[in-house]
Amino acid sequence: MNVLLVKIGTEPGLESIVTKLKDFEPQVRTFGVTSTPGQDHPFDVRVSSSYEAMLGAHDEYLTQGLYVRPDLFRKIAKYEGQLLRMLERVAIHDLTSVKSPPPPIPQFIDSVDDRSQLLLRMIAFWDFAFDLHRIDAIVAQNYGHNGWDAVIQVVAEARNIPYLFFHEVRPFLGSLYVHENSSEIGQLELGAQLLRVANERFQFIDDFEMRRAKMLTQVGIGRS
């Protein structure tokens, strides 16, 4: 099974998430989205990085002549307005900190056409990547909220690729929300079911105290 992990196991000290997954299920091949292209990572294959994905600056778009398949676009057309609005995240981002697409793709200045062209590049690339790497399932760090990760979620749904994401709610430090789509946010049934299965198969014990300490450190009120 080929599993795409979106910004999971890329932070220092959290690489063991990926290695433990392979320990539990040796037949799994891991494909990753890192923060930067040259970043050390535990994946079998690095697919892309947020540095490249923010502006759809994937070399394959030009070298492979990528385009959006009409049948795919029909399936995701209902999300087009939502995705275009979400690309506001790109407009307010420090674009000097991410990779820009090569010419002849014009510089992104946040016009309606810029957002539309960026969205099409993102859709075309991730559709291509899912085919190239034969992705069977996707697990994401959070719900899609940066533009490119939302496109991953929508394209996965259109292609019937199982998609799972985590959503930590900071005030509830002992809770972990796990969902398959954004409409399920706040529901705990799937997360509870997955924990039961994990305990039955792997005797997995979730260390809530360690998680709480890590989260407190992340928000600046704990010891580093």
C-alpha atoms as a PDB file:
ATOM      1  CA  MET A   1       0.000   0.000   0.000  1.00  0.00           C
ATOM      2  CA  ASN A   2       1.284   3.460  -0.945  1.00  0.00           C
ATOM      3  CA  VAL A   3       0.355   6.088   1.649  1.00  0.00           C
ATOM      4  CA  LEU A   4       0.868   9.824   1.150  1.00  0.00           C
ATOM      5  CA  LEU A   5       1.595  11.629   4.423  1.00  0.00           C
ATOM      6  CA  VAL A   6       0.968  15.372   4.228  1.00  0.00           C
ATOM      7  CA  LYS A   7       3.271  17.246   6.639  1.00  0.00           C
ATOM      8  CA  ILE A   8       3.306  14.319   9.057  1.00  0.00           C
ATOM      9  CA  GLY A   9       6.648  13.289  10.530  1.00  0.00           C
ATOM     10  CA  THR A  10       8.440  16.344   9.147  1.00  0.00           C
ATOM     11  CA  GLU A  11       8.973  18.277  12.382  1.00  0.00           C
ATOM     12  CA  PRO A  12      12.127  17.553  14.439  1.00  0.00           C
ATOM     13  CA  GLY A  13      11.479  14.728  16.877  1.00  0.00           C
ATOM     14  CA  LEU A  14       8.354  13.496  15.094  1.00  0.00           C
ATOM     15  CA  GLU A  15      10.042  11.402  12.394  1.00  0.00           C
ATOM     16  CA  SER A  16       9.227   8.308  14.432  1.00  0.00           C
ATOM     17  CA  ILE A  17       5.583   8.621  13.348  1.00  0.00           C
ATOM     18  CA  VAL A  18       6.625   7.419   9.911  1.00  0.00           C
ATOM     19  CA  THR A  19       9.060   4.751  11.069  1.00  0.00           C
ATOM     20  CA  LYS A  20       6.549   3.341  13.559  1.00  0.00           C
ATOM     21  CA  LEU A  21       3.931   3.149  10.809  1.00  0.00           C
ATOM     22  CA  LYS A  22       6.302   0.980   8.792  1.00  0.00           C
ATOM     23  CA  ASP A  23       7.046  -1.123  11.877  1.00  0.00           C
ATOM     24  CA  PHE A  24       3.329  -1.739  12.371  1.00  0.00           C
ATOM     25  CA  GLU A  25       2.608  -2.359   8.676  1.00  0.00           C
ATOM     26  CA  PRO A  26       5.820  -3.369   6.813  1.00  0.00           C
ATOM     27  CA  GLN A  27       4.003  -3.549   3.469  1.00  0.00           C
ATOM     28  CA  VAL A  28       3.276   0.193   3.568  1.00  0.00           C
ATOM     29  CA  ARG A  29       5.394   2.499   1.387  1.00  0.00           C
ATOM     30  CA  THR A  30       5.427   6.068   2.641  1.00  0.00           C
ATOM     31  CA  PHE A  31       5.295   9.132   0.399  1.00  0.00           C
ATOM     32  CA  GLY A  32       5.750  12.528   2.000  1.00  0.00           C
ATOM     33  CA  VAL A  33       5.117  16.245   1.674  1.00  0.00           C
ATOM     34  CA  THR A  34       7.869  18.034   3.564  1.00  0.00           C
ATOM     35  CA  SER A  35       8.405  21.680   4.469  1.00  0.00           C
ATOM     36  CA  THR A  36      11.376  22.248   2.140  1.00  0.00           C
ATOM     37  CA  PRO A  37      12.838  20.256  -0.771  1.00  0.00           C
ATOM     38  CA  GLY A  38      16.214  19.533   0.860  1.00  0.00           C
ATOM     39  CA  GLN A  39      14.837  18.608   4.254  1.00  0.00           C
ATOM     40  CA  ASP A  40      15.916  15.293   5.779  1.00  0.00           C
ATOM     41  CA  HIS A  41      12.923  12.988   5.977  1.00  0.00           C
ATOM     42  CA  PRO A  42      11.985   9.411   6.880  1.00  0.00           C
ATOM     43  CA  PHE A  43       9.805   8.726   3.808  1.00  0.00           C
ATOM     44  CA  ASP A  44      10.447   6.200   1.079  1.00  0.00           C
ATOM     45  CA  VAL A  45       9.685   8.923  -1.472  1.00  0.00           C
ATOM     46  CA  ARG A  46       9.366  12.704  -1.152  1.00  0.00           C
ATOM     47  CA  VAL A  47       6.559  13.867  -3.441  1.00  0.00           C
ATOM     48  CA  SER A  48       6.732  17.620  -2.881  1.00  0.00           C
ATOM     49  CA  SER A  49       7.083  20.309  -0.239  1.00  0.00           C
ATOM     50  CA  SER A  50       5.009  23.223   0.992  1.00  0.00           C
ATOM     51  CA  TYR A  51       7.825  25.452  -0.344  1.00  0.00           C
ATOM     52  CA  GLU A  52       6.999  24.273  -3.876  1.00  0.00           C
ATOM     53  CA  ALA A  53       3.278  23.718  -3.423  1.00  0.00           C
ATOM     54  CA  MET A  54       2.262  27.174  -2.176  1.00  0.00           C
ATOM     55  CA  LEU A  55       2.492  28.720  -5.670  1.00  0.00           C
ATOM     56  CA  GLY A  56       2.112  25.498  -7.617  1.00  0.00           C
ATOM     57  CA  ALA A  57       5.791  25.772  -8.571  1.00  0.00           C
ATOM     58  CA  HIS A  58       6.220  22.158  -9.607  1.00  0.00           C
ATOM     59  CA  ASP A  59       8.674  21.631 -12.457  1.00  0.00           C
ATOM     60  CA  GLU A  60       6.532  18.770 -13.744  1.00  0.00           C
ATOM     61  CA  TYR A  61       3.780  21.201 -14.703  1.00  0.00           C
ATOM     62  CA  LEU A  62       5.872  22.318 -17.676  1.00  0.00           C
ATOM     63  CA  THR A  63       8.190  19.342 -18.233  1.00  0.00           C
ATOM     64  CA  GLN A  64       5.293  16.870 -18.279  1.00  0.00           C
ATOM     65  CA  GLY A  65       2.804  19.210 -19.949  1.00  0.00           C
ATOM     66  CA  LEU A  66       0.275  18.777 -17.160  1.00  0.00           C
ATOM     67  CA  TYR A  67      -3.351  19.832 -17.528  1.00  0.00           C
ATOM     68  CA  VAL A  68      -6.641  19.318 -15.705  1.00  0.00           C
ATOM     69  CA  ARG A  69      -8.650  16.410 -17.041  1.00  0.00           C
ATOM     70  CA  PRO A  70     -12.200  17.556 -17.937  1.00  0.00           C
ATOM     71  CA  ASP A  71     -13.817  14.628 -16.123  1.00  0.00           C
ATOM     72  CA  LEU A  72     -11.859  15.433 -12.957  1.00  0.00           C
ATOM     73  CA  PHE A  73     -12.789  19.119 -13.106  1.00  0.00           C
ATOM     74  CA  ARG A  74     -16.480  18.245 -13.431  1.00  0.00           C
ATOM     75  CA  LYS A  75     -16.236  16.265 -10.199  1.00  0.00           C
ATOM     76  CA  ILE A  76     -14.591  19.065  -8.234  1.00  0.00           C
ATOM     77  CA  ALA A  77     -16.349  22.053  -9.843  1.00  0.00           C
ATOM     78  CA  LYS A  78     -18.669  22.369  -6.833  1.00  0.00           C
ATOM     79  CA  TYR A  79     -15.617  23.227  -4.707  1.00  0.00           C
ATOM     80  CA  GLU A  80     -14.134  25.770  -7.115  1.00  0.00           C
ATOM     81  CA  GLY A  81     -15.474  28.870  -5.348  1.00  0.00           C
ATOM     82  CA  GLN A  82     -14.422  27.589  -1.938  1.00  0.00           C
ATOM     83  CA  LEU A  83     -10.918  26.793  -3.174  1.00  0.00           C
ATOM     84  CA  LEU A  84     -10.522  30.176  -4.873  1.00  0.00           C
ATOM     85  CA  ARG A  85     -11.505  31.924  -1.648  1.00  0.00           C
ATOM     86  CA  MET A  86      -9.054  29.786   0.298  1.00  0.00           C
ATOM     87  CA  LEU A  87      -6.238  30.972  -1.958  1.00  0.00           C
ATOM     88  CA  GLU A  88      -6.462  34.196   0.048  1.00  0.00           C
ATOM     89  CA  ARG A  89      -3.974  32.326   2.254  1.00  0.00           C
ATOM     90  CA  VAL A  90      -1.519  32.520  -0.624  1.00  0.00           C
ATOM     91  CA  ALA A  91      -2.109  36.239  -1.131  1.00  0.00           C
ATOM     92  CA  ILE A  92      -1.250  37.067   2.491  1.00  0.00           C
ATOM     93  CA  HIS A  93       1.730  34.701   2.633  1.00  0.00           C
ATOM     94  CA  ASP A  94       5.306  35.967   2.371  1.00  0.00           C
ATOM     95  CA  LEU A  95       5.792  34.860  -1.221  1.00  0.00           C
ATOM     96  CA  THR A  96       9.512  35.618  -1.077  1.00  0.00           C
ATOM     97  CA  SER A  97       9.830  32.591   1.219  1.00  0.00           C
ATOM     98  CA  VAL A  98       8.435  30.074  -1.292  1.00  0.00           C
ATOM     99  CA  LYS A  99       9.371  28.892  -4.765  1.00  0.00           C
ATOM    100  CA  SER A 100       7.979  30.840  -7.720  1.00  0.00           C
ATOM    101  CA  PRO A 101       6.920  29.027 -10.899  1.00  0.00           C
ATOM    102  CA  PRO A 102       9.355  29.348 -13.812  1.00  0.00           C
ATOM    103  CA  PRO A 103       8.546  31.407 -16.918  1.00  0.00           C
ATOM    104  CA  PRO A 104       6.371  31.572 -18.924  1.00  0.00           C
ATOM    105  CA  ILE A 105       4.049  31.261 -15.913  1.00  0.00           C
ATOM    106  CA  PRO A 106       3.394  34.878 -14.794  1.00  0.00           C
ATOM    107  CA  GLN A 107       4.182  36.138 -11.318  1.00  0.00           C
ATOM    108  CA  PHE A 108       1.324  35.741  -8.810  1.00  0.00           C
ATOM    109  CA  ILE A 109      -0.130  39.144  -7.880  1.00  0.00           C
ATOM    110  CA  ASP A 110      -3.513  37.904  -6.583  1.00  0.00           C
ATOM    111  CA  SER A 111      -5.879  38.756  -9.388  1.00  0.00           C
ATOM    112  CA  VAL A 112      -8.904  36.569 -10.099  1.00  0.00           C
ATOM    113  CA  ASP A 113      -7.038  35.101 -13.063  1.00  0.00           C
ATOM    114  CA  ASP A 114      -3.945  34.460 -10.924  1.00  0.00           C
ATOM    115  CA  ARG A 115      -5.974  32.459  -8.428  1.00  0.00           C
ATOM    116  CA  SER A 116      -7.736  30.531 -11.190  1.00  0.00           C
ATOM    117  CA  GLN A 117      -4.467  29.627 -12.913  1.00  0.00           C
ATOM    118  CA  LEU A 118      -2.860  28.663  -9.606  1.00  0.00           C
ATOM    119  CA  LEU A 119      -5.792  26.425  -8.761  1.00  0.00           C
ATOM    120  CA  LEU A 120      -5.553  24.676 -12.131  1.00  0.00           C
ATOM    121  CA  ARG A 121      -1.810  24.102 -11.652  1.00  0.00           C
ATOM    122  CA  MET A 122      -2.410  22.613  -8.230  1.00  0.00           C
ATOM    123  CA  ILE A 123      -5.175  20.314  -9.450  1.00  0.00           C
ATOM    124  CA  ALA A 124      -3.113  19.141 -12.418  1.00  0.00           C
ATOM    125  CA  PHE A 125      -0.022  18.421 -10.322  1.00  0.00           C
ATOM    126  CA  TRP A 126      -1.703  16.450  -7.555  1.00  0.00           C
ATOM    127  CA  ASP A 127      -3.747  14.432 -10.033  1.00  0.00           C
ATOM    128  CA  PHE A 128      -0.469  13.612 -11.801  1.00  0.00           C
ATOM    129  CA  ALA A 129       1.319  12.804  -8.513  1.00  0.00           C
ATOM    130  CA  PHE A 130      -1.408  10.425  -7.369  1.00  0.00           C
ATOM    131  CA  ASP A 131      -1.074   8.530 -10.651  1.00  0.00           C
ATOM    132  CA  LEU A 132       2.724   8.593 -10.761  1.00  0.00           C
ATOM    133  CA  HIS A 133       3.124   7.240  -7.241  1.00  0.00           C
ATOM    134  CA  ARG A 134       0.011   5.045  -7.299  1.00  0.00           C
ATOM    135  CA  ILE A 135      -1.251   6.560  -4.067  1.00  0.00           C
ATOM    136  CA  ASP A 136      -3.737   4.292  -2.285  1.00  0.00           C
ATOM    137  CA  ALA A 137      -4.504   6.435   0.768  1.00  0.00           C
ATOM    138  CA  ILE A 138      -3.698   9.851   2.219  1.00  0.00           C
ATOM    139  CA  VAL A 139      -3.199  10.963   5.820  1.00  0.00           C
ATOM    140  CA  ALA A 140      -2.846  14.696   6.508  1.00  0.00           C
ATOM    141  CA  GLN A 141      -1.667  16.643   9.531  1.00  0.00           C
ATOM    142  CA  ASN A 142      -4.728  18.909   9.474  1.00  0.00           C
ATOM    143  CA  TYR A 143      -7.736  19.758   7.341  1.00  0.00           C
ATOM    144  CA  GLY A 144      -6.864  21.527   4.110  1.00  0.00           C
ATOM    145  CA  HIS A 145      -6.444  25.220   4.916  1.00  0.00           C
ATOM    146  CA  ASN A 146      -3.377  26.438   2.998  1.00  0.00           C
ATOM    147  CA  GLY A 147      -4.779  26.151  -0.506  1.00  0.00           C
ATOM    148  CA  TRP A 148      -2.576  23.367  -1.866  1.00  0.00           C
ATOM    149  CA  ASP A 149      -3.503  20.934   0.909  1.00  0.00           C
ATOM    150  CA  ALA A 150      -7.199  21.665   0.344  1.00  0.00           C
ATOM    151  CA  VAL A 151      -6.674  20.769  -3.318  1.00  0.00           C
ATOM    152  CA  ILE A 152      -5.118  17.454  -2.252  1.00  0.00           C
ATOM    153  CA  GLN A 153      -8.231  16.730  -0.204  1.00  0.00           C
ATOM    154  CA  VAL A 154     -10.649  17.612  -3.010  1.00  0.00           C
ATOM    155  CA  VAL A 155      -8.749  15.735  -5.731  1.00  0.00           C
ATOM    156  CA  ALA A 156      -8.491  12.691  -3.461  1.00  0.00           C
ATOM    157  CA  GLU A 157     -12.254  12.727  -2.914  1.00  0.00           C
ATOM    158  CA  ALA A 158     -12.904  13.016  -6.652  1.00  0.00           C
ATOM    159  CA  ARG A 159     -10.609  10.050  -7.299  1.00  0.00           C
ATOM    160  CA  ASN A 160     -12.101   7.990  -4.450  1.00  0.00           C
ATOM    161  CA  ILE A 161      -8.773   7.837  -2.620  1.00  0.00           C
ATOM    162  CA  PRO A 162      -9.341   7.318   1.130  1.00  0.00           C
ATOM    163  CA  TYR A 163      -8.388  10.504   2.988  1.00  0.00           C
ATOM    164  CA  LEU A 164      -7.861  10.912   6.718  1.00  0.00           C
ATOM    165  CA  PHE A 165      -6.854  14.042   8.606  1.00  0.00           C
ATOM    166  CA  PHE A 166      -6.088  14.982  12.170  1.00  0.00           C
ATOM    167  CA  HIS A 167      -7.400  18.139  13.804  1.00  0.00           C
ATOM    168  CA  GLU A 168      -6.066  19.116  17.218  1.00  0.00           C
ATOM    169  CA  VAL A 169      -8.279  21.512  19.129  1.00  0.00           C
ATOM    170  CA  ARG A 170      -5.938  23.404  21.417  1.00  0.00           C
ATOM    171  CA  PRO A 171      -8.248  24.055  24.416  1.00  0.00           C
ATOM    172  CA  PHE A 172      -9.013  20.339  24.711  1.00  0.00           C
ATOM    173  CA  LEU A 173      -5.465  19.157  25.228  1.00  0.00           C
ATOM    174  CA  GLY A 174      -6.394  15.525  25.781  1.00  0.00           C
ATOM    175  CA  SER A 175      -8.549  15.230  22.657  1.00  0.00           C
ATOM    176  CA  LEU A 176      -7.548  14.158  19.190  1.00  0.00           C
ATOM    177  CA  TYR A 177     -10.033  14.624  16.369  1.00  0.00           C
ATOM    178  CA  VAL A 178      -9.667  12.301  13.376  1.00  0.00           C
ATOM    179  CA  HIS A 179     -11.893  12.755  10.325  1.00  0.00           C
ATOM    180  CA  GLU A 180     -12.371  11.780   6.707  1.00  0.00           C
ATOM    181  CA  ASN A 181     -13.945  15.073   5.592  1.00  0.00           C
ATOM    182  CA  SER A 182     -14.415  18.560   7.005  1.00  0.00           C
ATOM    183  CA  SER A 183     -18.130  18.075   7.666  1.00  0.00           C
ATOM    184  CA  GLU A 184     -17.219  15.596  10.431  1.00  0.00           C
ATOM    185  CA  ILE A 185     -15.129  18.044  12.474  1.00  0.00           C
ATOM    186  CA  GLY A 186     -16.165  17.805  16.115  1.00  0.00           C
ATOM    187  CA  GLN A 187     -17.373  14.212  15.931  1.00  0.00           C
ATOM    188  CA  LEU A 188     -15.397  11.702  17.988  1.00  0.00           C
ATOM    189  CA  GLU A 189     -16.752   8.362  16.779  1.00  0.00           C
ATOM    190  CA  LEU A 190     -14.120   7.668  14.119  1.00  0.00           C
ATOM    191  CA  GLY A 191     -11.232   8.612  16.397  1.00  0.00           C
ATOM    192  CA  ALA A 192     -12.546   6.350  19.151  1.00  0.00           C
ATOM    193  CA  GLN A 193     -12.988   3.494  16.682  1.00  0.00           C
ATOM    194  CA  LEU A 194      -9.438   3.883  15.359  1.00  0.00           C
ATOM    195  CA  LEU A 195      -8.008   3.867  18.884  1.00  0.00           C
ATOM    196  CA  ARG A 196      -9.886   0.650  19.654  1.00  0.00           C
ATOM    197  CA  VAL A 197      -8.557  -1.008  16.506  1.00  0.00           C
ATOM    198  CA  ALA A 198      -5.020   0.186  17.254  1.00  0.00           C
ATOM    199  CA  ASN A 199      -5.198  -1.209  20.767  1.00  0.00           C
ATOM    200  CA  GLU A 200      -6.545  -4.546  19.553  1.00  0.00           C
ATOM    201  CA  ARG A 201      -3.957  -4.978  16.797  1.00  0.00           C
ATOM    202  CA  PHE A 202      -0.846  -3.368  18.232  1.00  0.00           C
ATOM    203  CA  GLN A 203      -1.455  -2.938  21.988  1.00  0.00           C
ATOM    204  CA  PHE A 204      -1.054   0.757  21.274  1.00  0.00           C
ATOM    205  CA  ILE A 205      -1.140   2.951  24.378  1.00  0.00           C
ATOM    206  CA  ASP A 206      -1.696   6.630  23.762  1.00  0.00           C
ATOM    207  CA  ASP A 207       0.429   8.785  26.074  1.00  0.00           C
ATOM    208  CA  PHE A 208      -1.838  11.766  26.668  1.00  0.00           C
ATOM    209  CA  GLU A 209       0.562  13.345  29.184  1.00  0.00           C
ATOM    210  CA  MET A 210       3.374  13.409  26.628  1.00  0.00           C
ATOM    211  CA  ARG A 211       1.012  14.898  24.042  1.00  0.00           C
ATOM    212  CA  ARG A 212      -0.204  17.516  26.516  1.00  0.00           C
ATOM    213  CA  ALA A 213       3.370  18.538  27.365  1.00  0.00           C
ATOM    214  CA  LYS A 214       4.285  18.782  23.683  1.00  0.00           C
ATOM    215  CA  MET A 215       1.234  20.907  22.869  1.00  0.00           C
ATOM    216  CA  LEU A 216       1.841  23.240  25.816  1.00  0.00           C
ATOM    217  CA  THR A 217       5.391  23.764  24.585  1.00  0.00           C
ATOM    218  CA  GLN A 218       4.143  24.489  21.065  1.00  0.00           C
ATOM    219  CA  VAL A 219       1.834  27.260  22.280  1.00  0.00           C
ATOM    220  CA  GLY A 220       4.588  28.754  24.432  1.00  0.00           C
ATOM    221  CA  ILE A 221       3.338  27.965  27.935  1.00  0.00           C
ATOM    222  CA  GLY A 222       5.325  24.829  28.684  1.00  0.00           C
ATOM    223  CA  ARG A 223       8.922  23.885  29.176  1.00  0.00           C
ATOM    224  CA  SER A 224      10.973  23.236  26.039  1.00  0.00           C
END
